[in-house]
Full PDB file with SEQRES, HELIX, SHEET, SSBOND, CRYST1, ORIGX, SCALE, CONECT and MASTER records, all heavy atoms in Angstrom:
SEQRES   1 A   39  MET GLY ASN VAL LEU MET VAL ALA ASN TYR GLU PRO ASP          
SEQRES   2 A   39  VAL GLY TYR ALA TRP ASN PHE ILE GLN GLN PHE TRP VAL          
SEQRES   3 A   39  VAL LEU ALA ASN LYS PHE PRO GLY ARG CYS HIS LEU ALA          
HELIX    1 AA1 ALA A   17  LYS A   31  1                                  15    
SHEET    1 AA1 2 VAL A   4  MET A   6  0                                        
SHEET    2 AA1 2 CYS A  36  LEU A  38  1                                        
CRYST1    1.000    1.000    1.000  90.00  90.00  90.00 P 1           1          
ORIGX1      1.000000  0.000000  0.000000        0.00000                         
ORIGX2      0.000000  1.000000  0.000000        0.00000                         
ORIGX3      0.000000  0.000000  1.000000        0.00000                         
SCALE1      1.000000  0.000000  0.000000        0.00000                         
SCALE2      0.000000  1.000000  0.000000        0.00000                         
SCALE3      0.000000  0.000000  1.000000        0.00000                         
ATOM      1  N   MET A   1     136.666 158.317 -82.939  1.00  0.00           N  
ATOM      2  CA  MET A   1     135.621 159.099 -83.600  1.00  0.00           C  
ATOM      3  C   MET A   1     135.870 160.578 -83.362  1.00  0.00           C  
ATOM      4  O   MET A   1     136.206 161.008 -82.260  1.00  0.00           O  
ATOM      5  CB  MET A   1     134.248 158.695 -83.072  1.00  0.00           C  
ATOM      6  CG  MET A   1     133.866 157.246 -83.363  1.00  0.00           C  
ATOM      7  SD  MET A   1     132.314 156.764 -82.603  1.00  0.00           S  
ATOM      8  CE  MET A   1     131.168 157.761 -83.546  1.00  0.00           C  
ATOM      9  N   GLY A   2     135.689 161.392 -84.405  1.00  0.00           N  
ATOM     10  CA  GLY A   2     135.917 162.821 -84.296  1.00  0.00           C  
ATOM     11  C   GLY A   2     134.806 163.533 -83.559  1.00  0.00           C  
ATOM     12  O   GLY A   2     133.682 163.022 -83.403  1.00  0.00           O  
ATOM     13  N   ASN A   3     135.100 164.736 -83.096  1.00  0.00           N  
ATOM     14  CA  ASN A   3     134.156 165.529 -82.329  1.00  0.00           C  
ATOM     15  C   ASN A   3     133.428 166.558 -83.191  1.00  0.00           C  
ATOM     16  O   ASN A   3     133.846 166.856 -84.322  1.00  0.00           O  
ATOM     17  CB  ASN A   3     134.878 166.217 -81.175  1.00  0.00           C  
ATOM     18  CG  ASN A   3     135.357 165.230 -80.134  1.00  0.00           C  
ATOM     19  OD1 ASN A   3     134.658 164.275 -79.803  1.00  0.00           O  
ATOM     20  ND2 ASN A   3     136.575 165.428 -79.638  1.00  0.00           N  
ATOM     21  N   VAL A   4     132.357 167.116 -82.625  1.00  0.00           N  
ATOM     22  CA  VAL A   4     131.528 168.113 -83.298  1.00  0.00           C  
ATOM     23  C   VAL A   4     131.764 169.463 -82.617  1.00  0.00           C  
ATOM     24  O   VAL A   4     131.736 169.565 -81.393  1.00  0.00           O  
ATOM     25  CB  VAL A   4     130.030 167.743 -83.219  1.00  0.00           C  
ATOM     26  CG1 VAL A   4     129.176 168.814 -83.896  1.00  0.00           C  
ATOM     27  CG2 VAL A   4     129.785 166.378 -83.845  1.00  0.00           C  
ATOM     28  N   LEU A   5     131.979 170.504 -83.421  1.00  0.00           N  
ATOM     29  CA  LEU A   5     132.166 171.847 -82.887  1.00  0.00           C  
ATOM     30  C   LEU A   5     131.035 172.760 -83.343  1.00  0.00           C  
ATOM     31  O   LEU A   5     130.772 172.893 -84.544  1.00  0.00           O  
ATOM     32  CB  LEU A   5     133.501 172.435 -83.361  1.00  0.00           C  
ATOM     33  CG  LEU A   5     133.761 173.899 -82.982  1.00  0.00           C  
ATOM     34  CD1 LEU A   5     133.890 174.049 -81.467  1.00  0.00           C  
ATOM     35  CD2 LEU A   5     134.983 174.440 -83.699  1.00  0.00           C  
ATOM     36  N   MET A   6     130.379 173.414 -82.378  1.00  0.00           N  
ATOM     37  CA  MET A   6     129.426 174.482 -82.668  1.00  0.00           C  
ATOM     38  C   MET A   6     130.114 175.814 -82.382  1.00  0.00           C  
ATOM     39  O   MET A   6     130.864 175.913 -81.404  1.00  0.00           O  
ATOM     40  CB  MET A   6     128.168 174.361 -81.810  1.00  0.00           C  
ATOM     41  CG  MET A   6     127.321 173.136 -82.120  1.00  0.00           C  
ATOM     42  SD  MET A   6     127.716 171.702 -81.104  1.00  0.00           S  
ATOM     43  CE  MET A   6     126.977 172.174 -79.558  1.00  0.00           C  
ATOM     44  N   VAL A   7     129.860 176.801 -83.211  1.00  0.00           N  
ATOM     45  CA  VAL A   7     130.563 178.073 -83.098  1.00  0.00           C  
ATOM     46  C   VAL A   7     129.572 179.203 -82.859  1.00  0.00           C  
ATOM     47  O   VAL A   7     128.657 179.430 -83.661  1.00  0.00           O  
ATOM     48  CB  VAL A   7     131.398 178.361 -84.362  1.00  0.00           C  
ATOM     49  CG1 VAL A   7     132.103 179.712 -84.237  1.00  0.00           C  
ATOM     50  CG2 VAL A   7     132.425 177.245 -84.578  1.00  0.00           C  
ATOM     51  N   ALA A   8     129.751 179.920 -81.744  1.00  0.00           N  
ATOM     52  CA  ALA A   8     128.944 181.108 -81.439  1.00  0.00           C  
ATOM     53  C   ALA A   8     129.617 182.339 -82.023  1.00  0.00           C  
ATOM     54  O   ALA A   8     130.840 182.380 -82.167  1.00  0.00           O  
ATOM     55  CB  ALA A   8     128.776 181.254 -79.934  1.00  0.00           C  
ATOM     56  N   ASN A   9     128.836 183.347 -82.319  1.00  0.00           N  
ATOM     57  CA  ASN A   9     129.373 184.589 -82.887  1.00  0.00           C  
ATOM     58  C   ASN A   9     129.480 185.713 -81.864  1.00  0.00           C  
ATOM     59  O   ASN A   9     130.054 186.754 -82.163  1.00  0.00           O  
ATOM     60  CB  ASN A   9     128.498 185.065 -84.052  1.00  0.00           C  
ATOM     61  CG  ASN A   9     128.486 184.064 -85.193  1.00  0.00           C  
ATOM     62  OD1 ASN A   9     129.278 183.136 -85.238  1.00  0.00           O  
ATOM     63  ND2 ASN A   9     127.559 184.254 -86.122  1.00  0.00           N  
ATOM     64  N   TYR A  10     128.874 185.515 -80.671  1.00  0.00           N  
ATOM     65  CA  TYR A  10     128.863 186.539 -79.650  1.00  0.00           C  
ATOM     66  C   TYR A  10     129.110 185.902 -78.291  1.00  0.00           C  
ATOM     67  O   TYR A  10     129.217 184.679 -78.159  1.00  0.00           O  
ATOM     68  CB  TYR A  10     127.515 187.282 -79.624  1.00  0.00           C  
ATOM     69  CG  TYR A  10     127.187 187.979 -80.926  1.00  0.00           C  
ATOM     70  CD1 TYR A  10     126.384 187.374 -81.883  1.00  0.00           C  
ATOM     71  CD2 TYR A  10     127.699 189.247 -81.192  1.00  0.00           C  
ATOM     72  CE1 TYR A  10     126.079 188.024 -83.082  1.00  0.00           C  
ATOM     73  CE2 TYR A  10     127.400 189.893 -82.386  1.00  0.00           C  
ATOM     74  CZ  TYR A  10     126.604 189.276 -83.321  1.00  0.00           C  
ATOM     75  OH  TYR A  10     126.318 189.905 -84.501  1.00  0.00           O  
ATOM     76  N   GLU A  11     129.168 186.736 -77.250  1.00  0.00           N  
ATOM     77  CA  GLU A  11     129.306 186.212 -75.897  1.00  0.00           C  
ATOM     78  C   GLU A  11     128.054 185.429 -75.529  1.00  0.00           C  
ATOM     79  O   GLU A  11     126.983 185.646 -76.097  1.00  0.00           O  
ATOM     80  CB  GLU A  11     129.547 187.358 -74.903  1.00  0.00           C  
ATOM     81  CG  GLU A  11     128.441 188.366 -74.780  1.00  0.00           C  
ATOM     82  CD  GLU A  11     128.564 189.524 -75.762  1.00  0.00           C  
ATOM     83  OE1 GLU A  11     129.226 189.344 -76.815  1.00  0.00           O  
ATOM     84  OE2 GLU A  11     127.999 190.598 -75.484  1.00  0.00           O  
ATOM     85  N   PRO A  12     128.145 184.498 -74.563  1.00  0.00           N  
ATOM     86  CA  PRO A  12     127.026 183.577 -74.304  1.00  0.00           C  
ATOM     87  C   PRO A  12     125.768 184.210 -73.746  1.00  0.00           C  
ATOM     88  O   PRO A  12     124.685 183.627 -73.846  1.00  0.00           O  
ATOM     89  CB  PRO A  12     127.625 182.575 -73.302  1.00  0.00           C  
ATOM     90  CG  PRO A  12     128.803 183.251 -72.716  1.00  0.00           C  
ATOM     91  CD  PRO A  12     129.341 184.160 -73.772  1.00  0.00           C  
ATOM     92  N   ASP A  13     125.862 185.396 -73.141  1.00  0.00           N  
ATOM     93  CA  ASP A  13     124.680 186.000 -72.531  1.00  0.00           C  
ATOM     94  C   ASP A  13     124.124 187.166 -73.340  1.00  0.00           C  
ATOM     95  O   ASP A  13     123.456 188.047 -72.804  1.00  0.00           O  
ATOM     96  CB  ASP A  13     125.001 186.466 -71.105  1.00  0.00           C  
ATOM     97  CG  ASP A  13     126.289 187.285 -71.021  1.00  0.00           C  
ATOM     98  OD1 ASP A  13     126.929 187.506 -72.071  1.00  0.00           O  
ATOM     99  OD2 ASP A  13     126.657 187.677 -69.895  1.00  0.00           O  
ATOM    100  N   VAL A  14     124.356 187.172 -74.668  1.00  0.00           N  
ATOM    101  CA  VAL A  14     123.906 188.284 -75.500  1.00  0.00           C  
ATOM    102  C   VAL A  14     122.384 188.308 -75.657  1.00  0.00           C  
ATOM    103  O   VAL A  14     121.777 189.350 -75.839  1.00  0.00           O  
ATOM    104  CB  VAL A  14     124.601 188.247 -76.885  1.00  0.00           C  
ATOM    105  CG1 VAL A  14     124.105 187.069 -77.715  1.00  0.00           C  
ATOM    106  CG2 VAL A  14     124.390 189.546 -77.637  1.00  0.00           C  
ATOM    107  N   GLY A  15     121.742 187.120 -75.588  1.00  0.00           N  
ATOM    108  CA  GLY A  15     120.276 187.063 -75.695  1.00  0.00           C  
ATOM    109  C   GLY A  15     119.787 187.202 -77.118  1.00  0.00           C  
ATOM    110  O   GLY A  15     120.453 186.821 -78.076  1.00  0.00           O  
ATOM    111  N   TYR A  16     118.571 187.744 -77.264  1.00  0.00           N  
ATOM    112  CA  TYR A  16     117.906 187.931 -78.562  1.00  0.00           C  
ATOM    113  C   TYR A  16     117.838 186.610 -79.334  1.00  0.00           C  
ATOM    114  O   TYR A  16     117.541 185.571 -78.758  1.00  0.00           O  
ATOM    115  CB  TYR A  16     118.571 189.043 -79.362  1.00  0.00           C  
ATOM    116  CG  TYR A  16     118.339 190.416 -78.754  1.00  0.00           C  
ATOM    117  CD1 TYR A  16     119.330 191.027 -77.996  1.00  0.00           C  
ATOM    118  CD2 TYR A  16     117.123 191.056 -78.901  1.00  0.00           C  
ATOM    119  CE1 TYR A  16     119.090 192.275 -77.402  1.00  0.00           C  
ATOM    120  CE2 TYR A  16     116.879 192.296 -78.321  1.00  0.00           C  
ATOM    121  CZ  TYR A  16     117.870 192.896 -77.572  1.00  0.00           C  
ATOM    122  OH  TYR A  16     117.629 194.100 -76.985  1.00  0.00           O  
ATOM    123  N   ALA A  17     118.136 186.624 -80.627  1.00  0.00           N  
ATOM    124  CA  ALA A  17     117.961 185.429 -81.448  1.00  0.00           C  
ATOM    125  C   ALA A  17     118.866 184.277 -81.015  1.00  0.00           C  
ATOM    126  O   ALA A  17     118.584 183.117 -81.314  1.00  0.00           O  
ATOM    127  CB  ALA A  17     118.229 185.761 -82.915  1.00  0.00           C  
ATOM    128  N   TRP A  18     119.950 184.596 -80.289  1.00  0.00           N  
ATOM    129  CA  TRP A  18     120.856 183.522 -79.873  1.00  0.00           C  
ATOM    130  C   TRP A  18     120.225 182.610 -78.850  1.00  0.00           C  
ATOM    131  O   TRP A  18     120.646 181.455 -78.677  1.00  0.00           O  
ATOM    132  CB  TRP A  18     122.183 184.109 -79.412  1.00  0.00           C  
ATOM    133  CG  TRP A  18     122.956 184.584 -80.608  1.00  0.00           C  
ATOM    134  CD1 TRP A  18     122.927 185.838 -81.170  1.00  0.00           C  
ATOM    135  CD2 TRP A  18     123.777 183.795 -81.466  1.00  0.00           C  
ATOM    136  NE1 TRP A  18     123.700 185.862 -82.309  1.00  0.00           N  
ATOM    137  CE2 TRP A  18     124.229 184.633 -82.512  1.00  0.00           C  
ATOM    138  CE3 TRP A  18     124.180 182.460 -81.442  1.00  0.00           C  
ATOM    139  CZ2 TRP A  18     125.068 184.184 -83.529  1.00  0.00           C  
ATOM    140  CZ3 TRP A  18     125.021 182.014 -82.455  1.00  0.00           C  
ATOM    141  CH2 TRP A  18     125.446 182.856 -83.476  1.00  0.00           C  
ATOM    142  N   ASN A  19     119.220 183.071 -78.134  1.00  0.00           N  
ATOM    143  CA  ASN A  19     118.485 182.176 -77.243  1.00  0.00           C  
ATOM    144  C   ASN A  19     117.768 181.098 -78.043  1.00  0.00           C  
ATOM    145  O   ASN A  19     117.583 179.969 -77.575  1.00  0.00           O  
ATOM    146  CB  ASN A  19     117.468 182.954 -76.409  1.00  0.00           C  
ATOM    147  CG  ASN A  19     118.133 183.829 -75.366  1.00  0.00           C  
ATOM    148  OD1 ASN A  19     119.277 183.586 -74.970  1.00  0.00           O  
ATOM    149  ND2 ASN A  19     117.428 184.868 -74.927  1.00  0.00           N  
ATOM    150  N   PHE A  20     117.354 181.446 -79.251  1.00  0.00           N  
ATOM    151  CA  PHE A  20     116.730 180.478 -80.151  1.00  0.00           C  
ATOM    152  C   PHE A  20     117.781 179.567 -80.791  1.00  0.00           C  
ATOM    153  O   PHE A  20     117.622 178.344 -80.829  1.00  0.00           O  
ATOM    154  CB  PHE A  20     115.941 181.221 -81.233  1.00  0.00           C  
ATOM    155  CG  PHE A  20     115.442 180.351 -82.345  1.00  0.00           C  
ATOM    156  CD1 PHE A  20     114.367 179.496 -82.155  1.00  0.00           C  
ATOM    157  CD2 PHE A  20     116.029 180.381 -83.601  1.00  0.00           C  
ATOM    158  CE1 PHE A  20     113.890 178.694 -83.188  1.00  0.00           C  
ATOM    159  CE2 PHE A  20     115.573 179.592 -84.636  1.00  0.00           C  
ATOM    160  CZ  PHE A  20     114.493 178.734 -84.426  1.00  0.00           C  
ATOM    161  N   ILE A  21     118.867 180.150 -81.256  1.00  0.00           N  
ATOM    162  CA  ILE A  21     119.899 179.400 -81.971  1.00  0.00           C  
ATOM    163  C   ILE A  21     120.534 178.331 -81.091  1.00  0.00           C  
ATOM    164  O   ILE A  21     120.876 177.241 -81.576  1.00  0.00           O  
ATOM    165  CB  ILE A  21     120.961 180.380 -82.538  1.00  0.00           C  
ATOM    166  CG1 ILE A  21     120.338 181.191 -83.676  1.00  0.00           C  
ATOM    167  CG2 ILE A  21     122.212 179.648 -82.998  1.00  0.00           C  
ATOM    168  CD1 ILE A  21     121.161 182.379 -84.119  1.00  0.00           C  
ATOM    169  N   GLN A  22     120.674 178.608 -79.802  1.00  0.00           N  
ATOM    170  CA  GLN A  22     121.327 177.624 -78.940  1.00  0.00           C  
ATOM    171  C   GLN A  22     120.515 176.331 -78.823  1.00  0.00           C  
ATOM    172  O   GLN A  22     121.053 175.279 -78.452  1.00  0.00           O  
ATOM    173  CB  GLN A  22     121.590 178.218 -77.556  1.00  0.00           C  
ATOM    174  CG  GLN A  22     120.373 178.517 -76.740  1.00  0.00           C  
ATOM    175  CD  GLN A  22     120.690 179.310 -75.484  1.00  0.00           C  
ATOM    176  OE1 GLN A  22     121.807 179.810 -75.315  1.00  0.00           O  
ATOM    177  NE2 GLN A  22     119.729 179.440 -74.572  1.00  0.00           N  
ATOM    178  N   GLN A  23     119.234 176.375 -79.192  1.00  0.00           N  
ATOM    179  CA  GLN A  23     118.448 175.145 -79.188  1.00  0.00           C  
ATOM    180  C   GLN A  23     118.935 174.145 -80.226  1.00  0.00           C  
ATOM    181  O   GLN A  23     118.825 172.934 -80.033  1.00  0.00           O  
ATOM    182  CB  GLN A  23     116.971 175.479 -79.418  1.00  0.00           C  
ATOM    183  CG  GLN A  23     116.360 176.328 -78.308  1.00  0.00           C  
ATOM    184  CD  GLN A  23     114.910 176.681 -78.575  1.00  0.00           C  
ATOM    185  OE1 GLN A  23     114.021 175.839 -78.460  1.00  0.00           O  
ATOM    186  NE2 GLN A  23     114.654 177.923 -78.948  1.00  0.00           N  
ATOM    187  N   PHE A  24     119.493 174.642 -81.332  1.00  0.00           N  
ATOM    188  CA  PHE A  24     120.073 173.745 -82.331  1.00  0.00           C  
ATOM    189  C   PHE A  24     121.313 173.053 -81.768  1.00  0.00           C  
ATOM    190  O   PHE A  24     121.568 171.883 -82.071  1.00  0.00           O  
ATOM    191  CB  PHE A  24     120.436 174.517 -83.605  1.00  0.00           C  
ATOM    192  CG  PHE A  24     119.250 175.089 -84.331  1.00  0.00           C  
ATOM    193  CD1 PHE A  24     118.941 176.436 -84.250  1.00  0.00           C  
ATOM    194  CD2 PHE A  24     118.430 174.275 -85.103  1.00  0.00           C  
ATOM    195  CE1 PHE A  24     117.844 176.960 -84.918  1.00  0.00           C  
ATOM    196  CE2 PHE A  24     117.327 174.784 -85.780  1.00  0.00           C  
ATOM    197  CZ  PHE A  24     117.040 176.136 -85.681  1.00  0.00           C  
ATOM    198  N   TRP A  25     122.078 173.761 -80.945  1.00  0.00           N  
ATOM    199  CA  TRP A  25     123.259 173.156 -80.325  1.00  0.00           C  
ATOM    200  C   TRP A  25     122.851 172.019 -79.399  1.00  0.00           C  
ATOM    201  O   TRP A  25     123.516 170.977 -79.347  1.00  0.00           O  
ATOM    202  CB  TRP A  25     124.041 174.217 -79.538  1.00  0.00           C  
ATOM    203  CG  TRP A  25     124.515 175.374 -80.357  1.00  0.00           C  
ATOM    204  CD1 TRP A  25     124.709 175.403 -81.712  1.00  0.00           C  
ATOM    205  CD2 TRP A  25     124.848 176.690 -79.890  1.00  0.00           C  
ATOM    206  NE1 TRP A  25     125.143 176.641 -82.113  1.00  0.00           N  
ATOM    207  CE2 TRP A  25     125.236 177.450 -81.012  1.00  0.00           C  
ATOM    208  CE3 TRP A  25     124.850 177.284 -78.636  1.00  0.00           C  
ATOM    209  CZ2 TRP A  25     125.627 178.780 -80.909  1.00  0.00           C  
ATOM    210  CZ3 TRP A  25     125.244 178.613 -78.524  1.00  0.00           C  
ATOM    211  CH2 TRP A  25     125.629 179.347 -79.646  1.00  0.00           C  
ATOM    212  N   VAL A  26     121.743 172.211 -78.689  1.00  0.00           N  
ATOM    213  CA  VAL A  26     121.269 171.167 -77.779  1.00  0.00           C  
ATOM    214  C   VAL A  26     120.841 169.924 -78.566  1.00  0.00           C  
ATOM    215  O   VAL A  26     121.096 168.791 -78.147  1.00  0.00           O  
ATOM    216  CB  VAL A  26     120.121 171.697 -76.907  1.00  0.00           C  
ATOM    217  CG1 VAL A  26     119.490 170.567 -76.081  1.00  0.00           C  
ATOM    218  CG2 VAL A  26     120.623 172.801 -75.988  1.00  0.00           C  
ATOM    219  N   VAL A  27     120.203 170.124 -79.721  1.00  0.00           N  
ATOM    220  CA  VAL A  27     119.820 168.999 -80.568  1.00  0.00           C  
ATOM    221  C   VAL A  27     121.067 168.202 -80.983  1.00  0.00           C  
ATOM    222  O   VAL A  27     121.082 166.958 -80.930  1.00  0.00           O  
ATOM    223  CB  VAL A  27     119.042 169.471 -81.815  1.00  0.00           C  
ATOM    224  CG1 VAL A  27     118.874 168.341 -82.820  1.00  0.00           C  
ATOM    225  CG2 VAL A  27     117.686 170.019 -81.420  1.00  0.00           C  
ATOM    226  N   LEU A  28     122.120 168.912 -81.380  1.00  0.00           N  
ATOM    227  CA  LEU A  28     123.361 168.226 -81.759  1.00  0.00           C  
ATOM    228  C   LEU A  28     123.970 167.498 -80.569  1.00  0.00           C  
ATOM    229  O   LEU A  28     124.500 166.388 -80.717  1.00  0.00           O  
ATOM    230  CB  LEU A  28     124.353 169.230 -82.338  1.00  0.00           C  
ATOM    231  CG  LEU A  28     124.001 169.795 -83.722  1.00  0.00           C  
ATOM    232  CD1 LEU A  28     125.025 170.837 -84.149  1.00  0.00           C  
ATOM    233  CD2 LEU A  28     123.921 168.687 -84.763  1.00  0.00           C  
ATOM    234  N   ALA A  29     123.914 168.111 -79.390  1.00  0.00           N  
ATOM    235  CA  ALA A  29     124.461 167.463 -78.198  1.00  0.00           C  
ATOM    236  C   ALA A  29     123.715 166.182 -77.878  1.00  0.00           C  
ATOM    237  O   ALA A  29     124.309 165.194 -77.433  1.00  0.00           O  
ATOM    238  CB  ALA A  29     124.411 168.424 -77.013  1.00  0.00           C  
ATOM    239  N   ASN A  30     122.409 166.171 -78.103  1.00  0.00           N  
ATOM    240  CA  ASN A  30     121.620 164.963 -77.876  1.00  0.00           C  
ATOM    241  C   ASN A  30     121.882 163.914 -78.949  1.00  0.00           C  
ATOM    242  O   ASN A  30     121.837 162.713 -78.682  1.00  0.00           O  
ATOM    243  CB  ASN A  30     120.130 165.309 -77.838  1.00  0.00           C  
ATOM    244  CG  ASN A  30     119.757 166.130 -76.629  1.00  0.00           C  
ATOM    245  OD1 ASN A  30     120.396 166.063 -75.586  1.00  0.00           O  
ATOM    246  ND2 ASN A  30     118.705 166.939 -76.746  1.00  0.00           N  
ATOM    247  N   LYS A  31     122.172 164.391 -80.148  1.00  0.00           N  
ATOM    248  CA  LYS A  31     122.423 163.483 -81.276  1.00  0.00           C  
ATOM    249  C   LYS A  31     123.811 162.844 -81.180  1.00  0.00           C  
ATOM    250  O   LYS A  31     124.000 161.682 -81.563  1.00  0.00           O  
ATOM    251  CB  LYS A  31     122.281 164.265 -82.586  1.00  0.00           C  
ATOM    252  CG  LYS A  31     122.252 163.439 -83.864  1.00  0.00           C  
ATOM    253  CD  LYS A  31     122.029 164.358 -85.061  1.00  0.00           C  
ATOM    254  CE  LYS A  31     122.049 163.609 -86.381  1.00  0.00           C  
ATOM    255  NZ  LYS A  31     120.844 162.803 -86.579  1.00  0.00           N  
ATOM    256  N   PHE A  32     124.773 163.620 -80.653  1.00  0.00           N  
ATOM    257  CA  PHE A  32     126.153 163.136 -80.530  1.00  0.00           C  
ATOM    258  C   PHE A  32     126.637 163.339 -79.092  1.00  0.00           C  
ATOM    259  O   PHE A  32     127.498 164.182 -78.831  1.00  0.00           O  
ATOM    260  CB  PHE A  32     127.059 163.878 -81.507  1.00  0.00           C  
ATOM    261  CG  PHE A  32     126.573 163.875 -82.929  1.00  0.00           C  
ATOM    262  CD1 PHE A  32     126.105 165.031 -83.532  1.00  0.00           C  
ATOM    263  CD2 PHE A  32     126.553 162.701 -83.663  1.00  0.00           C  
ATOM    264  CE1 PHE A  32     125.652 165.029 -84.841  1.00  0.00           C  
ATOM    265  CE2 PHE A  32     126.089 162.682 -84.974  1.00  0.00           C  
ATOM    266  CZ  PHE A  32     125.640 163.846 -85.559  1.00  0.00           C  
ATOM    267  N   PRO A  33     126.110 162.585 -78.141  1.00  0.00           N  
ATOM    268  CA  PRO A  33     126.430 162.805 -76.720  1.00  0.00           C  
ATOM    269  C   PRO A  33     127.919 162.621 -76.406  1.00  0.00           C  
ATOM    270  O   PRO A  33     128.558 161.696 -76.917  1.00  0.00           O  
ATOM    271  CB  PRO A  33     125.566 161.758 -76.006  1.00  0.00           C  
ATOM    272  CG  PRO A  33     125.260 160.715 -77.029  1.00  0.00           C  
ATOM    273  CD  PRO A  33     125.191 161.447 -78.342  1.00  0.00           C  
ATOM    274  N   GLY A  34     128.425 163.545 -75.587  1.00  0.00           N  
ATOM    275  CA  GLY A  34     129.803 163.469 -75.147  1.00  0.00           C  
ATOM    276  C   GLY A  34     130.839 163.908 -76.162  1.00  0.00           C  
ATOM    277  O   GLY A  34     132.038 163.870 -75.880  1.00  0.00           O  
ATOM    278  N   ARG A  35     130.389 164.371 -77.335  1.00  0.00           N  
ATOM    279  CA  ARG A  35     131.340 164.702 -78.403  1.00  0.00           C  
ATOM    280  C   ARG A  35     131.184 166.122 -78.918  1.00  0.00           C  
ATOM    281  O   ARG A  35     131.811 166.486 -79.915  1.00  0.00           O  
ATOM    282  CB  ARG A  35     131.164 163.701 -79.554  1.00  0.00           C  
ATOM    283  CG  ARG A  35     131.477 162.255 -79.163  1.00  0.00           C  
ATOM    284  CD  ARG A  35     130.965 161.284 -80.191  1.00  0.00           C  
ATOM    285  NE  ARG A  35     131.506 161.579 -81.503  1.00  0.00           N  
ATOM    286  CZ  ARG A  35     131.002 161.081 -82.629  1.00  0.00           C  
ATOM    287  NH1 ARG A  35     129.919 160.326 -82.597  1.00  0.00           N  
ATOM    288  NH2 ARG A  35     131.555 161.372 -83.785  1.00  0.00           N  
ATOM    289  N   CYS A  36     130.357 166.918 -78.247  1.00  0.00           N  
ATOM    290  CA  CYS A  36     130.076 168.264 -78.755  1.00  0.00           C  
ATOM    291  C   CYS A  36     130.836 169.335 -77.966  1.00  0.00           C  
ATOM    292  O   CYS A  36     130.805 169.365 -76.733  1.00  0.00           O  
ATOM    293  CB  CYS A  36     128.577 168.548 -78.704  1.00  0.00           C  
ATOM    294  SG  CYS A  36     127.647 167.636 -79.965  1.00  0.00           S  
ATOM    295  N   HIS A  37     131.484 170.217 -78.710  1.00  0.00           N  
ATOM    296  CA  HIS A  37     132.209 171.350 -78.159  1.00  0.00           C  
ATOM    297  C   HIS A  37     131.553 172.630 -78.685  1.00  0.00           C  
ATOM    298  O   HIS A  37     131.022 172.657 -79.786  1.00  0.00           O  
ATOM    299  CB  HIS A  37     133.670 171.313 -78.588  1.00  0.00           C  
ATOM    300  CG  HIS A  37     134.432 170.122 -78.077  1.00  0.00           C  
ATOM    301  ND1 HIS A  37     135.407 170.216 -77.111  1.00  0.00           N  
ATOM    302  CD2 HIS A  37     134.337 168.800 -78.387  1.00  0.00           C  
ATOM    303  CE1 HIS A  37     135.898 169.023 -76.860  1.00  0.00           C  
ATOM    304  NE2 HIS A  37     135.262 168.139 -77.616  1.00  0.00           N  
ATOM    305  N   LEU A  38     131.636 173.696 -77.888  1.00  0.00           N  
ATOM    306  CA  LEU A  38     131.070 174.994 -78.267  1.00  0.00           C  
ATOM    307  C   LEU A  38     132.112 176.076 -78.028  1.00  0.00           C  
ATOM    308  O   LEU A  38     132.628 176.206 -76.919  1.00  0.00           O  
ATOM    309  CB  LEU A  38     129.806 175.273 -77.454  1.00  0.00           C  
ATOM    310  CG  LEU A  38     129.159 176.655 -77.589  1.00  0.00           C  
ATOM    311  CD1 LEU A  38     128.770 176.954 -79.026  1.00  0.00           C  
ATOM    312  CD2 LEU A  38     127.938 176.751 -76.668  1.00  0.00           C  
ATOM    313  N   ALA A  39     132.415 176.846 -79.069  1.00  0.00           N  
ATOM    314  CA  ALA A  39     133.411 177.917 -78.981  1.00  0.00           C  
ATOM    315  C   ALA A  39     132.723 179.273 -78.960  1.00  0.00           C  
ATOM    316  O   ALA A  39     132.008 179.626 -79.895  1.00  0.00           O  
ATOM    317  CB  ALA A  39     134.378 177.842 -80.157  1.00  0.00           C  
TER     318      ALA A  39                                                      
MASTER        0    0    0    1    2    0    0    6  317    1    0    3          
END                                                                             
């Protein structure tokens, strides 16, 4: 089975709206456990 990649546009500690956006990544990680990568 193939893996899922989430892509960030900034460094991980930039804050602001990215604190909100990372919640979508967590939803995907829960939906596809063990198969999610983040760049």
